Every structure is written in C-alpha cells, then in structure tokens.
Amino acid sequence: MAHSDRNQLRPLVCGFYLALLVLMHSDLWIWELNEAYPVKPVAELVRSRTPPNAEIFMSFGYARPSLDFYSERRVIPVAMEDAGDRWQPGTYFLIENADELPASERLGSAAGFELVAPAKS
C-alpha cells in the first residue's frame, strides 16, 4: 500500500464506512446479543403506562441500559425481598411473577413481565 497510488485509499475508507452505515441501519445489527428478554415491548409498556418522573423497579437481576433508553425512564433492578420497602403509592414494578404481590393494580404485560402499581386505598 505504501508503494501504490494514494488515490486507492480514499475509496477503500469510504466503502468501509458506507458498509458500516448500511449494517447499522439494517435489521441484521443486533446490539444486545444473547439477552434474556426483548427490550422494546417492555420499554413501550413502561413508556405508555407510567408518568415521566415515576420510580420504576424491576425484578430482574441486572440493569439494562437499553430499557432505560427506549422507555425514556430509569428502571432500577431490585431483589423481590427488598421490594417491600419500596411498595408505596407512586412507584411502579416490572415483575416476572405478579401473583406473589400484595394488593396491586395491574397495568399491562409484555415479554413475560407485568407492570404493576400498589393498589390505591
């Protein structure tokens, strides 16, 4: 490449970036490989059923930045043993098994998670 014409480098670099651009805009690009559940349906549920400043807790083992991004809310992972301390009006929970909860209002479900809120007294 050092001995060849420098005009060959420009099409090579442009072609590389064009190929990356096409890949990123296609459905073949999956930036969350091997994840446990699809994020977009859960994020849509959270975004459509909760106010923008609500506290949302999730019974999943770790945080998913993409869920925060797509739902436009911060979803905080919490162990179900600690959820009782946070079970108060104004909070929302994404729970895999909502049958174990005290009195709650079910707001919807997506991808195996139910969105619930404490029942209003």
N, C-alpha and C. Protein backbone atom coordinates (compact mmCIF):
# COMPACT_ATOMS: atom_id res chain seq x y z
N MET A 1 0.83 -1.19 0.00
CA MET A 1 0.00 0.00 0.00
C MET A 1 0.88 1.26 0.00
N ALA A 2 2.09 1.15 0.60
CA ALA A 2 2.98 2.30 0.64
C ALA A 2 3.49 2.65 -0.75
N HIS A 3 3.64 1.66 -1.63
CA HIS A 3 4.17 1.90 -2.97
C HIS A 3 3.08 2.15 -4.00
N SER A 4 1.85 1.99 -3.62
CA SER A 4 0.77 2.15 -4.60
C SER A 4 0.26 3.59 -4.60
N ASP A 5 -0.68 3.82 -5.47
CA ASP A 5 -1.26 5.15 -5.64
C ASP A 5 -2.11 5.53 -4.42
N ARG A 6 -1.96 6.75 -3.94
CA ARG A 6 -2.71 7.20 -2.75
C ARG A 6 -4.20 7.37 -3.05
N ASN A 7 -4.58 7.43 -4.28
CA ASN A 7 -5.99 7.59 -4.64
C ASN A 7 -6.79 6.32 -4.35
N GLN A 8 -6.14 5.22 -4.10
CA GLN A 8 -6.87 3.98 -3.79
C GLN A 8 -7.34 3.94 -2.35
N LEU A 9 -6.73 4.72 -1.49
CA LEU A 9 -7.08 4.70 -0.07
C LEU A 9 -8.44 5.35 0.19
N ARG A 10 -8.73 6.43 -0.50
CA ARG A 10 -10.00 7.14 -0.29
C ARG A 10 -11.22 6.26 -0.59
N PRO A 11 -11.30 5.56 -1.73
CA PRO A 11 -12.47 4.69 -1.95
C PRO A 11 -12.54 3.53 -0.96
N LEU A 12 -11.40 3.05 -0.52
CA LEU A 12 -11.39 1.97 0.46
C LEU A 12 -11.99 2.42 1.79
N VAL A 13 -11.58 3.58 2.28
CA VAL A 13 -12.11 4.11 3.55
C VAL A 13 -13.58 4.46 3.41
N CYS A 14 -13.94 5.12 2.31
CA CYS A 14 -15.36 5.48 2.09
C CYS A 14 -16.23 4.23 2.00
N GLY A 15 -15.76 3.21 1.31
CA GLY A 15 -16.52 1.96 1.21
C GLY A 15 -16.67 1.28 2.55
N PHE A 16 -15.64 1.32 3.38
CA PHE A 16 -15.72 0.73 4.72
C PHE A 16 -16.79 1.42 5.56
N TYR A 17 -16.79 2.75 5.59
CA TYR A 17 -17.78 3.48 6.38
C TYR A 17 -19.18 3.35 5.79
N LEU A 18 -19.30 3.27 4.50
CA LEU A 18 -20.60 3.06 3.88
C LEU A 18 -21.16 1.68 4.26
N ALA A 19 -20.30 0.67 4.25
CA ALA A 19 -20.73 -0.68 4.65
C ALA A 19 -21.16 -0.70 6.12
N LEU A 20 -20.44 -0.02 6.99
CA LEU A 20 -20.84 0.06 8.41
C LEU A 20 -22.17 0.79 8.57
N LEU A 21 -22.35 1.85 7.83
CA LEU A 21 -23.60 2.61 7.89
C LEU A 21 -24.79 1.75 7.47
N VAL A 22 -24.64 1.02 6.39
CA VAL A 22 -25.72 0.12 5.93
C VAL A 22 -25.99 -0.96 6.96
N LEU A 23 -24.95 -1.53 7.55
CA LEU A 23 -25.13 -2.56 8.57
C LEU A 23 -25.88 -2.02 9.79
N MET A 24 -25.51 -0.85 10.25
CA MET A 24 -26.15 -0.30 11.46
C MET A 24 -27.61 0.07 11.23
N HIS A 25 -27.98 0.38 10.01
CA HIS A 25 -29.37 0.74 9.72
C HIS A 25 -30.21 -0.46 9.30
N SER A 26 -29.63 -1.62 9.22
CA SER A 26 -30.39 -2.81 8.84
C SER A 26 -30.86 -3.56 10.08
N ASP A 27 -31.74 -4.52 9.89
CA ASP A 27 -32.21 -5.36 10.98
C ASP A 27 -31.20 -6.44 11.35
N LEU A 28 -30.13 -6.54 10.62
CA LEU A 28 -29.12 -7.54 10.92
C LEU A 28 -28.23 -7.13 12.09
N TRP A 29 -28.24 -5.86 12.43
CA TRP A 29 -27.42 -5.37 13.53
C TRP A 29 -28.20 -5.53 14.82
N ILE A 30 -27.75 -6.40 15.67
CA ILE A 30 -28.37 -6.60 16.98
C ILE A 30 -27.33 -6.22 18.01
N TRP A 31 -27.55 -5.14 18.70
CA TRP A 31 -26.52 -4.67 19.62
C TRP A 31 -26.66 -5.27 21.01
N GLU A 32 -27.67 -6.07 21.24
CA GLU A 32 -27.82 -6.78 22.51
C GLU A 32 -27.95 -8.26 22.21
N LEU A 33 -26.85 -8.91 22.03
CA LEU A 33 -26.88 -10.33 21.74
C LEU A 33 -27.05 -11.15 23.02
N ASN A 34 -27.74 -12.27 22.89
CA ASN A 34 -27.89 -13.24 23.98
C ASN A 34 -28.49 -12.64 25.25
N GLU A 35 -29.44 -11.77 25.11
CA GLU A 35 -30.09 -11.21 26.29
C GLU A 35 -31.31 -12.04 26.65
N ALA A 36 -31.81 -11.85 27.86
CA ALA A 36 -32.84 -12.72 28.41
C ALA A 36 -34.25 -12.42 27.89
N TYR A 37 -34.52 -11.18 27.53
CA TYR A 37 -35.87 -10.83 27.07
C TYR A 37 -35.77 -9.68 26.08
N PRO A 38 -36.77 -9.52 25.21
CA PRO A 38 -36.75 -8.40 24.27
C PRO A 38 -37.08 -7.10 24.99
N VAL A 39 -36.29 -6.09 24.77
CA VAL A 39 -36.42 -4.83 25.50
C VAL A 39 -37.52 -3.94 24.97
N LYS A 40 -37.67 -3.85 23.66
CA LYS A 40 -38.58 -2.86 23.09
C LYS A 40 -40.04 -3.01 23.53
N PRO A 41 -40.63 -4.23 23.60
CA PRO A 41 -42.01 -4.31 24.07
C PRO A 41 -42.16 -3.90 25.54
N VAL A 42 -41.18 -4.25 26.36
CA VAL A 42 -41.23 -3.87 27.78
C VAL A 42 -41.07 -2.36 27.91
N ALA A 43 -40.18 -1.77 27.14
CA ALA A 43 -39.97 -0.33 27.18
C ALA A 43 -41.22 0.42 26.73
N GLU A 44 -41.89 -0.08 25.71
CA GLU A 44 -43.13 0.55 25.24
C GLU A 44 -44.21 0.51 26.32
N LEU A 45 -44.30 -0.61 27.02
CA LEU A 45 -45.25 -0.74 28.13
C LEU A 45 -44.96 0.29 29.21
N VAL A 46 -43.71 0.41 29.60
CA VAL A 46 -43.31 1.36 30.64
C VAL A 46 -43.56 2.78 30.19
N ARG A 47 -43.18 3.11 28.98
CA ARG A 47 -43.34 4.48 28.48
C ARG A 47 -44.81 4.88 28.37
N SER A 48 -45.65 3.94 27.96
CA SER A 48 -47.06 4.29 27.73
C SER A 48 -47.90 4.28 29.01
N ARG A 49 -47.46 3.58 30.05
CA ARG A 49 -48.31 3.43 31.23
C ARG A 49 -47.79 4.10 32.49
N THR A 50 -46.65 4.78 32.43
CA THR A 50 -46.11 5.44 33.61
C THR A 50 -45.82 6.90 33.32
N PRO A 51 -45.92 7.75 34.35
CA PRO A 51 -45.54 9.16 34.14
C PRO A 51 -44.03 9.30 34.00
N PRO A 52 -43.56 10.36 33.38
CA PRO A 52 -42.12 10.51 33.11
C PRO A 52 -41.23 10.51 34.35
N ASN A 53 -41.70 10.97 35.47
CA ASN A 53 -40.84 11.07 36.66
C ASN A 53 -41.08 9.96 37.68
N ALA A 54 -41.74 8.90 37.30
CA ALA A 54 -42.08 7.82 38.23
C ALA A 54 -40.87 6.97 38.57
N GLU A 55 -40.88 6.38 39.77
CA GLU A 55 -39.87 5.41 40.15
C GLU A 55 -40.34 4.04 39.67
N ILE A 56 -39.48 3.38 38.90
CA ILE A 56 -39.84 2.08 38.34
C ILE A 56 -38.78 1.08 38.77
N PHE A 57 -39.22 0.01 39.41
CA PHE A 57 -38.33 -1.04 39.88
C PHE A 57 -38.62 -2.31 39.11
N MET A 58 -37.61 -3.15 38.95
CA MET A 58 -37.74 -4.35 38.15
C MET A 58 -37.16 -5.55 38.89
N SER A 59 -37.84 -6.67 38.80
CA SER A 59 -37.40 -7.88 39.49
C SER A 59 -36.44 -8.69 38.62
N PHE A 60 -35.57 -8.01 37.90
CA PHE A 60 -34.60 -8.68 37.04
C PHE A 60 -33.23 -8.52 37.69
N GLY A 61 -32.33 -9.41 37.40
CA GLY A 61 -31.06 -9.47 38.09
C GLY A 61 -30.10 -8.32 37.86
N TYR A 62 -30.21 -7.61 36.75
CA TYR A 62 -29.27 -6.54 36.47
C TYR A 62 -29.94 -5.47 35.61
N ALA A 63 -29.31 -4.31 35.57
CA ALA A 63 -29.85 -3.18 34.82
C ALA A 63 -29.64 -3.39 33.32
N ARG A 64 -30.58 -2.89 32.55
CA ARG A 64 -30.48 -2.93 31.10
C ARG A 64 -30.49 -1.49 30.58
N PRO A 65 -29.35 -0.94 30.20
CA PRO A 65 -29.31 0.44 29.71
C PRO A 65 -30.25 0.68 28.52
N SER A 66 -30.43 -0.33 27.70
CA SER A 66 -31.33 -0.15 26.56
C SER A 66 -32.77 0.01 27.01
N LEU A 67 -33.16 -0.63 28.11
CA LEU A 67 -34.51 -0.45 28.64
C LEU A 67 -34.69 0.98 29.12
N ASP A 68 -33.69 1.51 29.79
CA ASP A 68 -33.76 2.92 30.21
C ASP A 68 -33.87 3.84 28.99
N PHE A 69 -33.10 3.55 27.97
CA PHE A 69 -33.09 4.39 26.77
C PHE A 69 -34.44 4.35 26.05
N TYR A 70 -34.92 3.16 25.73
CA TYR A 70 -36.16 3.03 24.97
C TYR A 70 -37.40 3.45 25.76
N SER A 71 -37.40 3.25 27.06
CA SER A 71 -38.57 3.63 27.85
C SER A 71 -38.54 5.10 28.26
N GLU A 72 -37.38 5.74 28.10
CA GLU A 72 -37.20 7.13 28.49
C GLU A 72 -37.42 7.32 29.99
N ARG A 73 -37.16 6.27 30.75
CA ARG A 73 -37.28 6.28 32.21
C ARG A 73 -36.11 5.49 32.78
N ARG A 74 -35.85 5.68 34.05
CA ARG A 74 -34.81 4.88 34.70
C ARG A 74 -35.50 3.70 35.38
N VAL A 75 -35.13 2.50 34.99
CA VAL A 75 -35.68 1.27 35.56
C VAL A 75 -34.59 0.66 36.44
N ILE A 76 -34.90 0.53 37.74
CA ILE A 76 -33.92 0.11 38.73
C ILE A 76 -34.14 -1.35 39.08
N PRO A 77 -33.12 -2.21 38.90
CA PRO A 77 -33.28 -3.61 39.31
C PRO A 77 -33.27 -3.71 40.84
N VAL A 78 -34.15 -4.56 41.37
CA VAL A 78 -34.23 -4.73 42.82
C VAL A 78 -34.62 -6.18 43.11
N ALA A 79 -34.07 -6.74 44.15
CA ALA A 79 -34.45 -8.10 44.57
C ALA A 79 -35.85 -8.05 45.17
N MET A 80 -36.62 -9.08 44.94
CA MET A 80 -38.00 -9.10 45.43
C MET A 80 -38.06 -9.04 46.95
N GLU A 81 -37.01 -9.50 47.64
CA GLU A 81 -37.00 -9.41 49.10
C GLU A 81 -36.96 -7.95 49.56
N ASP A 82 -36.34 -7.08 48.75
CA ASP A 82 -36.23 -5.66 49.09
C ASP A 82 -37.38 -4.83 48.53
N ALA A 83 -38.23 -5.43 47.75
CA ALA A 83 -39.31 -4.67 47.10
C ALA A 83 -40.35 -4.17 48.11
N GLY A 84 -40.51 -4.87 49.22
CA GLY A 84 -41.49 -4.47 50.21
C GLY A 84 -41.22 -3.08 50.77
N ASP A 85 -39.96 -2.71 50.89
CA ASP A 85 -39.61 -1.38 51.39
C ASP A 85 -40.01 -0.29 50.41
N ARG A 86 -40.08 -0.62 49.17
CA ARG A 86 -40.40 0.36 48.12
C ARG A 86 -41.85 0.30 47.68
N TRP A 87 -42.63 -0.58 48.26
CA TRP A 87 -44.02 -0.78 47.86
C TRP A 87 -44.87 0.33 48.45
N GLN A 88 -44.98 1.44 47.71
CA GLN A 88 -45.74 2.59 48.17
C GLN A 88 -46.36 3.30 46.97
N PRO A 89 -47.38 4.10 47.17
CA PRO A 89 -48.01 4.80 46.04
C PRO A 89 -46.99 5.66 45.29
N GLY A 90 -47.13 5.70 44.00
CA GLY A 90 -46.23 6.47 43.16
C GLY A 90 -45.08 5.67 42.58
N THR A 91 -44.96 4.40 42.99
CA THR A 91 -43.92 3.55 42.43
C THR A 91 -44.55 2.52 41.51
N TYR A 92 -43.76 2.02 40.59
CA TYR A 92 -44.22 1.00 39.64
C TYR A 92 -43.20 -0.13 39.65
N PHE A 93 -43.69 -1.34 39.36
CA PHE A 93 -42.84 -2.51 39.39
C PHE A 93 -43.04 -3.33 38.12
N LEU A 94 -41.93 -3.75 37.53
CA LEU A 94 -41.95 -4.71 36.43
C LEU A 94 -41.57 -6.04 37.05
N ILE A 95 -42.52 -6.97 37.08
CA ILE A 95 -42.32 -8.21 37.83
C ILE A 95 -42.63 -9.40 36.94
N GLU A 96 -41.80 -10.42 37.07
CA GLU A 96 -42.00 -11.63 36.27
C GLU A 96 -43.17 -12.46 36.80
N ASN A 97 -43.34 -12.54 38.10
CA ASN A 97 -44.43 -13.31 38.68
C ASN A 97 -45.22 -12.40 39.62
N ALA A 98 -46.24 -11.74 39.08
CA ALA A 98 -47.00 -10.76 39.84
C ALA A 98 -48.03 -11.40 40.77
N ASP A 99 -48.16 -12.73 40.75
CA ASP A 99 -49.13 -13.38 41.63
C ASP A 99 -48.70 -13.34 43.09
N GLU A 100 -47.42 -13.13 43.35
CA GLU A 100 -46.89 -13.15 44.71
C GLU A 100 -47.03 -11.81 45.42
N LEU A 101 -47.60 -10.82 44.78
CA LEU A 101 -47.61 -9.47 45.33
C LEU A 101 -48.82 -9.22 46.22
N PRO A 102 -48.68 -8.27 47.15
CA PRO A 102 -49.86 -7.82 47.88
C PRO A 102 -50.80 -7.08 46.92
N ALA A 103 -51.84 -6.50 47.45
CA ALA A 103 -52.84 -5.84 46.61
C ALA A 103 -52.18 -4.89 45.63
N SER A 104 -52.41 -5.15 44.36
CA SER A 104 -51.76 -4.33 43.34
C SER A 104 -52.70 -4.11 42.16
N GLU A 105 -52.39 -3.07 41.43
CA GLU A 105 -53.13 -2.72 40.22
C GLU A 105 -52.28 -3.12 39.02
N ARG A 106 -52.79 -4.02 38.20
CA ARG A 106 -52.04 -4.48 37.02
C ARG A 106 -52.29 -3.53 35.86
N LEU A 107 -51.18 -3.02 35.30
CA LEU A 107 -51.28 -2.02 34.24
C LEU A 107 -51.02 -2.57 32.85
N GLY A 108 -50.51 -3.78 32.76
CA GLY A 108 -50.24 -4.39 31.46
C GLY A 108 -49.10 -5.37 31.55
N SER A 109 -48.88 -6.09 30.45
CA SER A 109 -47.79 -7.06 30.43
C SER A 109 -47.14 -7.07 29.06
N ALA A 110 -45.86 -7.45 29.05
CA ALA A 110 -45.09 -7.56 27.81
C ALA A 110 -43.88 -8.44 28.08
N ALA A 111 -43.60 -9.36 27.17
CA ALA A 111 -42.40 -10.21 27.19
C ALA A 111 -42.20 -10.91 28.53
N GLY A 112 -43.27 -11.35 29.16
CA GLY A 112 -43.15 -12.09 30.40
C GLY A 112 -43.11 -11.24 31.65
N PHE A 113 -43.17 -9.93 31.52
CA PHE A 113 -43.17 -9.03 32.67
C PHE A 113 -44.52 -8.35 32.79
N GLU A 114 -44.95 -8.15 34.02
CA GLU A 114 -46.18 -7.40 34.28
C GLU A 114 -45.80 -6.08 34.94
N LEU A 115 -46.44 -5.02 34.50
CA LEU A 115 -46.27 -3.71 35.12
C LEU A 115 -47.36 -3.56 36.15
N VAL A 116 -46.99 -3.39 37.41
CA VAL A 116 -47.96 -3.27 38.49
C VAL A 116 -47.63 -2.04 39.33
N ALA A 117 -48.65 -1.56 40.02
CA ALA A 117 -48.50 -0.46 40.95
C ALA A 117 -49.27 -0.83 42.22
N PRO A 118 -48.84 -0.30 43.37
CA PRO A 118 -49.60 -0.58 44.59
C PRO A 118 -51.04 -0.13 44.43
N ALA A 119 -51.97 -0.94 44.95
CA ALA A 119 -53.39 -0.59 44.85
C ALA A 119 -53.66 0.68 45.64
N LYS A 120 -54.51 1.51 45.06
CA LYS A 120 -54.87 2.77 45.74
C LYS A 120 -55.87 2.46 46.83
N SER A 121 -55.63 3.04 47.99
CA SER A 121 -56.53 2.79 49.13
C SER A 121 -57.72 3.71 49.09
